[in-house]
């Protein structure tokens, strides 16, 4: 019975999930999506922060509150899934403990600080016959789903270059572990936003052959990278140019993809994160359809003309679909679907991120 605690039957009602961490990732993404997924229930929220305990209790009154993950292992038989949304440095030890307790695991990206650690977790899950998945929600962004369809259907022809930007204008530091210069924290944009843009590039265009990167800490007092560029040459010859920045005063297009037949340009971010932050939920009875953006934000497909002056043909953006991740997790635990994002896929992205880190330090391209 893959992915369950000992003595638990997947056929006895909804799968019971314990969520470790109730910061941004836990409270904005995981908890609402778990609660909105048919066949899943948010059984427990783990956080030592008393303010977050009160927040979780108010938002999910039926969920139990625990202070540390260790409280979960003694009652592993009451749970089916552990979701890890705590700080990056805790991902590997908590995932290891959960797997050793016989529980299925979802880990927020990055699953680990190194590809070797990710592969060790994958091996442990395989040895125990347990489910292990990585939350790469940006695979279900509206623009990415649209681009994936265009590439699959050949609208661009042979793709030459993929440009992807995850840029923000945050000239002041916010503080916290993500901006720490301590390598143990696995902070900085390379492993934060870089995890998304690299994963998307590998999904679209396959394995990387070589990596070149530039990574800087530009804001006053910054100890971790806040302005990073990654160039990937894929084994099939496509070149991906990926940008992750908190110091971009003028934002570029989210995607610019150039092929032998046409190019696709798309501005703006998927609306799902903003909706979740505003308290909207992907459930029945919503006032508006989930993940849909207005027509004026649609990308444009064409050749030889600038989309900024009306060139090209508007391409309806497919609805974003973050709920699809946990729907797939529930189905995989029941044995009716595949793991939506495997640890080995995450390890391949970490190979690229590690190569990018080395490239930025050494100033050379790194061959994989």
Protein backbone atom coordinates (compact mmCIF):
# COMPACT_ATOMS: atom_id res chain seq x y z
CA UNK A 1 0.00 0.00 0.00
CA UNK A 2 2.37 2.69 -1.28
CA UNK A 3 2.57 6.03 0.46
CA UNK A 4 0.76 5.29 3.70
CA UNK A 5 1.63 4.90 7.33
CA UNK A 6 1.53 1.37 8.67
CA UNK A 7 -1.97 0.07 9.18
CA UNK A 8 -3.62 2.82 7.13
CA UNK A 9 -5.99 1.98 4.29
CA UNK A 10 -6.21 4.38 1.36
CA UNK A 11 -9.84 3.37 0.92
CA UNK A 12 -10.95 4.61 4.34
CA UNK A 13 -12.05 8.15 3.53
CA UNK A 14 -9.91 11.12 2.52
CA UNK A 15 -6.13 10.90 2.72
CA UNK A 16 -4.89 12.68 5.82
CA UNK A 17 -2.10 15.18 5.28
CA UNK A 18 0.16 16.83 7.84
CA UNK A 19 1.67 20.13 6.74
CA UNK A 20 5.05 21.07 8.22
CA UNK A 21 5.57 24.84 8.08
CA UNK A 22 3.03 27.64 7.94
CA UNK A 23 4.97 30.54 6.46
CA UNK A 24 4.41 31.81 2.93
CA UNK A 25 4.64 28.41 1.25
CA UNK A 26 2.55 26.57 3.82
CA UNK A 27 -0.21 29.11 4.43
CA UNK A 28 -0.59 30.58 0.92
CA UNK A 29 0.04 27.56 -1.31
CA UNK A 30 -0.07 24.17 0.37
CA UNK A 31 -2.79 24.46 3.01
CA UNK A 32 -5.43 26.00 0.70
CA UNK A 33 -4.64 23.60 -2.15
CA UNK A 34 -4.72 20.53 0.11
CA UNK A 35 -8.02 21.63 1.64
CA UNK A 36 -9.51 22.23 -1.82
CA UNK A 37 -8.53 18.80 -3.18
CA UNK A 38 -11.16 16.09 -3.27
CA UNK A 39 -9.83 13.05 -1.44
CA UNK A 40 -7.41 15.01 0.76
CA UNK A 41 -7.91 16.56 4.16
CA UNK A 42 -5.61 18.84 6.15
CA UNK A 43 -5.26 16.84 9.35
CA UNK A 44 -2.39 18.65 11.10
CA UNK A 45 -0.39 21.86 10.78
CA UNK A 46 3.08 21.89 12.33
CA UNK A 47 4.57 25.22 13.37
CA UNK A 48 6.37 26.41 16.49
CA UNK A 49 5.40 30.04 15.85
CA UNK A 50 2.46 30.94 18.10
CA UNK A 51 1.13 33.61 15.73
CA UNK A 52 1.10 31.08 12.91
CA UNK A 53 -0.54 28.52 15.17
CA UNK A 54 -3.37 30.96 15.79
CA UNK A 55 -3.58 31.78 12.08
CA UNK A 56 -3.76 28.11 11.11
CA UNK A 57 -6.38 27.46 13.81
CA UNK A 58 -8.53 30.30 12.51
CA UNK A 59 -8.18 29.33 8.84
CA UNK A 60 -8.49 25.56 9.30
CA UNK A 61 -10.27 24.98 12.62
CA UNK A 62 -10.65 21.23 12.05
CA UNK A 63 -6.89 20.75 11.71
CA UNK A 64 -4.80 19.74 14.67
CA UNK A 65 -1.79 21.88 15.63
CA UNK A 66 1.64 20.43 16.44
CA UNK A 67 4.80 22.23 17.48
CA UNK A 68 7.46 19.98 15.92
CA UNK A 69 7.55 17.29 13.22
CA UNK A 70 8.67 14.77 15.84
CA UNK A 71 5.13 14.81 17.21
CA UNK A 72 3.93 13.25 13.94
CA UNK A 73 6.04 10.11 13.91
CA UNK A 74 4.40 8.56 16.97
CA UNK A 75 1.04 8.68 15.22
CA UNK A 76 2.20 7.91 11.70
CA UNK A 77 -0.56 5.28 11.51
CA UNK A 78 -3.09 8.14 11.64
CA UNK A 79 -1.59 9.93 8.64
CA UNK A 80 -1.12 9.26 4.92
CA UNK A 81 1.01 12.16 3.70
CA UNK A 82 3.59 14.59 5.05
CA UNK A 83 3.92 17.90 3.19
CA UNK A 84 7.15 19.79 3.93
CA UNK A 85 6.95 23.57 3.50
CA UNK A 86 9.48 24.52 6.15
CA UNK A 87 12.80 26.37 5.48
CA UNK A 88 15.00 24.80 2.80
CA UNK A 89 17.67 23.49 5.18
CA UNK A 90 15.06 21.31 6.95
CA UNK A 91 13.76 19.58 3.83
CA UNK A 92 16.16 16.63 3.80
CA UNK A 93 16.08 15.73 7.51
CA UNK A 94 12.29 15.99 7.79
CA UNK A 95 11.70 14.09 4.54
CA UNK A 96 14.10 11.38 5.71
CA UNK A 97 12.31 11.06 9.05
CA UNK A 98 8.90 10.91 7.35
CA UNK A 99 9.99 8.19 4.94
CA UNK A 100 11.55 6.21 7.77
CA UNK A 101 8.20 6.50 9.57
CA UNK A 102 6.54 4.88 6.56
CA UNK A 103 4.79 7.98 5.22
CA UNK A 104 4.35 9.41 1.73
CA UNK A 105 6.04 12.78 1.27
CA UNK A 106 5.63 15.99 -0.72
CA UNK A 107 8.52 18.46 -0.43
CA UNK A 108 8.43 22.07 -1.56
CA UNK A 109 11.18 23.06 -3.98
CA UNK A 110 14.11 22.81 -3.74
CA UNK A 111 13.85 19.30 -2.37
CA UNK A 112 17.46 19.52 -1.16
CA UNK A 113 20.60 21.61 -1.36
CA UNK A 114 22.35 19.18 -3.71
CA UNK A 115 21.41 16.71 -6.41
CA UNK A 116 23.12 13.90 -4.50
CA UNK A 117 20.89 14.51 -1.46
CA UNK A 118 17.81 14.48 -3.70
CA UNK A 119 18.88 11.16 -5.20
CA UNK A 120 19.51 9.72 -1.73
CA UNK A 121 15.94 10.64 -0.76
CA UNK A 122 14.65 9.10 -3.99
CA UNK A 123 16.56 5.91 -3.22
CA UNK A 124 15.17 5.78 0.32
CA UNK A 125 11.61 6.20 -0.96
CA UNK A 126 12.18 3.49 -3.57
CA UNK A 127 13.64 1.15 -0.95
CA UNK A 128 10.65 1.68 1.34
CA UNK A 129 8.10 1.53 -1.48
CA UNK A 130 6.88 5.04 -0.64
CA UNK A 131 5.66 8.00 -2.64
CA UNK A 132 7.99 11.05 -2.81
CA UNK A 133 7.09 14.12 -4.85
CA UNK A 134 8.30 17.70 -5.25
CA UNK A 135 5.99 20.73 -5.35
CA UNK A 136 6.95 22.44 -8.61
CA UNK A 137 3.75 24.46 -8.90
CA UNK A 138 5.02 26.62 -11.76
CA UNK A 139 4.50 23.68 -14.11
CA UNK A 140 0.83 24.61 -13.73
CA UNK A 141 1.23 28.34 -14.41
CA UNK A 142 -1.13 29.62 -17.10
CA UNK A 143 1.64 30.90 -19.37
CA UNK A 144 3.71 27.73 -19.05
CA UNK A 145 0.74 25.50 -19.90
CA UNK A 146 0.05 27.70 -22.93
CA UNK A 147 3.66 27.63 -24.10
CA UNK A 148 3.85 23.87 -23.59
CA UNK A 149 0.83 23.48 -25.87
CA UNK A 150 2.38 25.74 -28.54
CA UNK A 151 5.65 23.78 -28.47
CA UNK A 152 3.90 20.40 -28.56
CA UNK A 153 1.66 21.39 -31.45
CA UNK A 154 4.53 22.84 -33.49
CA UNK A 155 3.26 26.42 -33.72
CA UNK A 156 6.78 27.77 -33.16
CA UNK A 157 8.54 25.32 -35.45
CA UNK A 158 11.95 24.26 -34.16
CA UNK A 159 12.64 26.29 -31.03
CA UNK A 160 15.99 28.07 -31.09
CA UNK A 161 15.93 30.10 -27.89
CA UNK A 162 13.78 30.11 -24.77
CA UNK A 163 13.88 33.26 -22.64
CA UNK A 164 12.23 33.08 -19.23
CA UNK A 165 12.15 35.87 -16.66
CA UNK A 166 11.03 35.75 -13.07
CA UNK A 167 11.79 39.35 -12.18
CA UNK A 168 10.71 41.62 -9.34
CA UNK A 169 11.46 45.13 -8.14
CA UNK A 170 12.32 44.82 -4.45
CA UNK A 171 15.12 47.32 -3.83
CA UNK A 172 14.96 46.86 -0.06
CA UNK A 173 15.88 43.67 1.76
CA UNK A 174 13.05 41.94 3.60
CA UNK A 175 15.25 39.89 5.92
CA UNK A 176 14.85 36.24 6.84
CA UNK A 177 16.64 33.03 5.95
CA UNK A 178 16.03 33.36 2.19
CA UNK A 179 18.35 36.38 2.13
CA UNK A 180 20.95 34.85 4.42
CA UNK A 181 24.45 34.37 3.09
CA UNK A 182 24.85 31.16 5.12
CA UNK A 183 25.22 28.30 2.58
CA UNK A 184 23.44 25.98 5.02
CA UNK A 185 20.22 27.98 4.56
CA UNK A 186 20.13 27.27 0.79
CA UNK A 187 18.87 30.81 0.28
CA UNK A 188 19.23 33.27 -2.59
CA UNK A 189 17.34 33.51 -5.85
CA UNK A 190 19.39 30.86 -7.62
CA UNK A 191 17.76 28.12 -5.53
CA UNK A 192 14.45 29.97 -5.03
CA UNK A 193 13.16 31.37 -8.32
CA UNK A 194 15.93 29.53 -10.16
CA UNK A 195 14.33 26.24 -9.15
CA UNK A 196 11.22 27.26 -11.09
CA UNK A 197 12.77 28.61 -14.29
CA UNK A 198 15.24 25.72 -14.57
CA UNK A 199 12.55 23.10 -13.98
CA UNK A 200 10.34 24.66 -16.66
CA UNK A 201 13.22 24.73 -19.16
CA UNK A 202 14.03 21.06 -18.57
CA UNK A 203 10.37 20.03 -18.88
CA UNK A 204 10.07 21.87 -22.19
CA UNK A 205 13.41 21.10 -23.83
CA UNK A 206 15.01 18.19 -22.04
CA UNK A 207 18.38 17.59 -20.39
CA UNK A 208 21.12 20.19 -20.12
CA UNK A 209 24.51 19.67 -21.79
CA UNK A 210 26.22 22.77 -20.40
CA UNK A 211 25.48 25.68 -18.07
CA UNK A 212 26.81 29.23 -17.78
CA UNK A 213 25.67 31.64 -15.07
CA UNK A 214 26.17 35.10 -13.63
CA UNK A 215 25.01 35.66 -10.06
CA UNK A 216 25.29 38.82 -7.98
CA UNK A 217 24.21 40.28 -4.63
CA UNK A 218 23.40 43.84 -5.70
CA UNK A 219 21.25 45.41 -2.99
CA UNK A 220 22.99 47.19 -0.11
CA UNK A 221 23.60 44.68 2.66
CA UNK A 222 22.61 41.68 0.53
CA UNK A 223 24.42 38.50 1.54
CA UNK A 224 22.71 36.14 -0.95
CA UNK A 225 22.30 36.43 -4.70
CA UNK A 226 19.44 38.68 -5.80
CA UNK A 227 20.20 39.02 -9.53
CA UNK A 228 21.00 35.84 -11.44
CA UNK A 229 21.22 34.80 -15.10
CA UNK A 230 21.48 31.18 -16.24
CA UNK A 231 22.20 30.03 -19.79
CA UNK A 232 21.51 26.37 -20.56
CA UNK A 233 22.49 24.59 -23.75
CA UNK A 234 20.20 21.58 -23.97
CA UNK A 235 21.33 18.31 -25.50
CA UNK A 236 18.90 18.91 -28.38
CA UNK A 237 20.54 22.26 -29.21
CA UNK A 238 17.89 24.60 -27.73
CA UNK A 239 19.35 27.44 -25.69
CA UNK A 240 17.51 28.61 -22.57
CA UNK A 241 18.25 32.07 -21.15
CA UNK A 242 16.80 32.31 -17.67
CA UNK A 243 16.62 35.36 -15.41
CA UNK A 244 15.76 35.51 -11.69
CA UNK A 245 16.01 38.94 -10.10
CA UNK A 246 14.74 41.11 -7.28
CA UNK A 247 16.46 44.21 -8.68
CA UNK A 248 14.62 44.73 -11.99
CA UNK A 249 13.32 48.30 -12.22
CA UNK A 250 11.70 47.61 -15.62
CA UNK A 251 10.26 44.14 -16.04
CA UNK A 252 10.82 42.19 -19.23
CA UNK A 253 8.47 39.65 -20.80
CA UNK A 254 7.80 36.56 -18.72
CA UNK A 255 8.50 34.46 -21.82
CA UNK A 256 10.04 35.18 -25.20
CA UNK A 257 10.40 32.02 -27.26
CA UNK A 258 11.90 32.09 -30.75
CA UNK A 259 11.50 29.32 -33.30
CA UNK A 260 11.91 28.59 -37.00
CA UNK A 261 8.26 29.45 -37.76
CA UNK A 262 7.26 32.01 -35.17
CA UNK A 263 7.94 33.55 -31.79
CA UNK A 264 5.78 33.82 -28.68
CA UNK A 265 5.94 36.73 -26.25
CA UNK A 266 4.04 36.82 -22.97
CA UNK A 267 4.05 39.50 -20.29
CA UNK A 268 2.75 39.31 -16.73
CA UNK A 269 2.65 36.68 -14.01
CA UNK A 270 0.14 33.90 -13.56
CA UNK A 271 -2.68 35.23 -11.31
CA UNK A 272 -2.95 32.21 -9.01
CA UNK A 273 -0.40 33.29 -6.39
CA UNK A 274 -1.98 36.73 -6.07
CA UNK A 275 -5.42 35.13 -5.75
CA UNK A 276 -4.23 32.77 -3.02
CA UNK A 277 -2.54 35.62 -1.16
CA UNK A 278 -5.83 37.53 -1.30
CA UNK A 279 -7.66 34.63 0.31
CA UNK A 280 -9.35 33.30 -2.81
CA UNK A 281 -9.69 29.52 -2.99
CA UNK A 282 -10.05 27.13 -5.95
CA UNK A 283 -13.31 25.62 -4.74
CA UNK A 284 -16.84 25.19 -6.04
CA UNK A 285 -19.00 28.29 -5.91
CA UNK A 286 -16.22 30.76 -6.66
CA UNK A 287 -17.25 34.10 -8.08
CA UNK A 288 -14.82 33.74 -10.99
CA UNK A 289 -13.19 30.84 -12.75
CA UNK A 290 -9.88 29.81 -11.19
CA UNK A 291 -6.63 30.70 -12.92
CA UNK A 292 -8.17 32.73 -15.77
CA UNK A 293 -6.55 36.00 -16.84
CA UNK A 294 -8.07 38.89 -18.85
CA UNK A 295 -7.73 38.93 -22.62
CA UNK A 296 -5.49 42.00 -22.60
CA UNK A 297 -2.77 39.91 -20.92
CA UNK A 298 -2.73 37.17 -23.54
CA UNK A 299 0.60 36.52 -25.22
CA UNK A 300 1.16 36.98 -28.95
CA UNK A 301 2.40 34.58 -31.60
CA UNK A 302 3.90 35.79 -34.85
CA UNK A 303 6.98 36.69 -36.85
CA UNK A 304 8.67 39.92 -37.88
CA UNK A 305 6.47 42.26 -35.82
CA UNK A 306 6.64 43.61 -32.29
CA UNK A 307 3.86 42.48 -29.95
CA UNK A 308 4.14 45.86 -28.24
CA UNK A 309 2.77 47.52 -31.37
CA UNK A 310 0.03 44.97 -31.93
CA UNK A 311 2.01 42.55 -34.05
CA UNK A 312 1.30 38.85 -34.02
CA UNK A 313 -1.85 36.97 -33.13
CA UNK A 314 -3.22 36.91 -29.59
CA UNK A 315 -3.04 33.44 -28.07
CA UNK A 316 -5.70 32.67 -25.45
CA UNK A 317 -3.90 31.84 -22.23
CA UNK A 318 -4.92 28.51 -20.77
CA UNK A 319 -6.21 28.70 -17.19
CA UNK A 320 -3.60 28.18 -14.51
CA UNK A 321 -4.10 24.95 -12.61
CA UNK A 322 -2.24 24.70 -9.28
CA UNK A 323 -5.01 22.45 -7.88
CA UNK A 324 -4.02 19.84 -10.48
CA UNK A 325 -0.84 19.07 -8.56
CA UNK A 326 -2.55 17.79 -5.42
CA UNK A 327 -5.27 16.12 -7.46
CA UNK A 328 -2.47 14.16 -9.13
CA UNK A 329 -0.84 13.43 -5.76
CA UNK A 330 -4.09 11.95 -4.42
CA UNK A 331 -4.54 9.87 -7.56
CA UNK A 332 -0.93 8.64 -7.42
CA UNK A 333 -1.38 7.57 -3.80
CA UNK A 334 -4.45 5.61 -4.85
CA UNK A 335 -2.45 4.02 -7.66
CA UNK A 336 -4.46 5.53 -10.50
CA UNK A 337 -1.92 8.11 -11.78
CA UNK A 338 1.79 8.77 -11.99
CA UNK A 339 3.78 10.94 -9.60
CA UNK A 340 3.37 14.49 -10.99
CA UNK A 341 6.96 15.56 -10.13
CA UNK A 342 9.53 12.96 -9.11
CA UNK A 343 12.55 13.47 -6.89
CA UNK A 344 14.79 12.39 -9.77
CA UNK A 345 13.37 15.18 -11.94
CA UNK A 346 14.12 17.59 -9.11
CA UNK A 347 17.65 16.17 -8.86
CA UNK A 348 18.23 16.91 -12.56
CA UNK A 349 17.26 20.54 -11.93
CA UNK A 350 19.62 20.64 -8.95
CA UNK A 351 22.42 19.39 -11.21
CA UNK A 352 21.84 22.51 -13.30
CA UNK A 353 21.60 24.81 -10.28
CA UNK A 354 24.83 23.43 -8.83
CA UNK A 355 26.55 23.87 -12.19
CA UNK A 356 25.19 27.43 -12.33
CA UNK A 357 26.59 28.18 -8.88
CA UNK A 358 30.01 26.87 -9.87
CA UNK A 359 29.90 28.72 -13.19
CA UNK A 360 29.10 32.03 -11.50
CA UNK A 361 32.02 31.63 -9.10
CA UNK A 362 34.51 30.46 -11.72
CA UNK A 363 33.31 32.56 -14.66
CA UNK A 364 33.25 29.59 -17.03
CA UNK A 365 30.70 27.32 -18.64
CA UNK A 366 30.22 23.98 -16.87
CA UNK A 367 29.67 20.79 -18.84
CA UNK A 368 27.23 18.26 -17.38
